[in-house]
Each structure stands twice: as C-alpha cells, then as structure tokens.
C-alpha cells in the first residue's frame, strides 16, 4: 500500500470525519471494531494509520466462539498517535514513517475432541 493509497483512504465525504475502522466476522461471530486510520483526532483520539493489527480466532470444541483484535497498545506511542485508546498509529506523511500496514491472524482454542491447539505460527501474515 503506497502512501497515496493510505492518504486516499482518509479522503471521504466533505465535512465528515475521515476515519476508517475494521470488523471481522464469520456467521454470527463478530469482532469488536478497531480503528485503523484517522485524520480526525476529535473522533478517534489520534491521527495516522495502524502499522499492524492482529486478529485472534478463538475456538471451543472446534467451533469458532469469538474474534478479538490484539496488537500494540498506546503505551508505546505519543498521545496524538493513539487511535481509539488501543491502537498505536504512524503518521503516513513524509516524515520518516516507512512501515507498511500489516494484518495478521492467529488461532487458539480447542478442537472438536477438546484438545488444545494454537496455530503453528502465532500469526499468519494475510496482507
């Protein structure tokens, strides 16, 4: 994703907050929303785009029971780079930020025989 692509994500309807969030779902199982881009600090608490997000798939008895976003907290970033109180963001401007956004997924839980499992690689890059 180029810098121009990231900026274009934030170009929306005139007068509306320029904010993007993501939700994952499978059938009736829905994750909580997570901000991943914002140009409106009043709406999200910070500006920029999330450099990484991790979605955890949780299984119970082989059935998907819930989805949860994990990743960086705001403890490692400036207050104006904290989206929604739970996602550290980079600016996306030409000020040295070169990270490409990454979304990863991991699985944990029990299979249909109630044996515990975790994905072989705790995160699978699904760019």
Foldseek 3Di string as FASTA:
>chain_A
DALVVLVVQQDDDPPDWRWDWDWDDDVPAIEDIDTAAGPDCVVFQAGAGFLEKEKEFEDELAHGDYIYIDDAACPPDDRNQHGNRGGGHDHSDPPPDDRHRWYWYKYWYAYNVRHTDIPPPRIDTPD
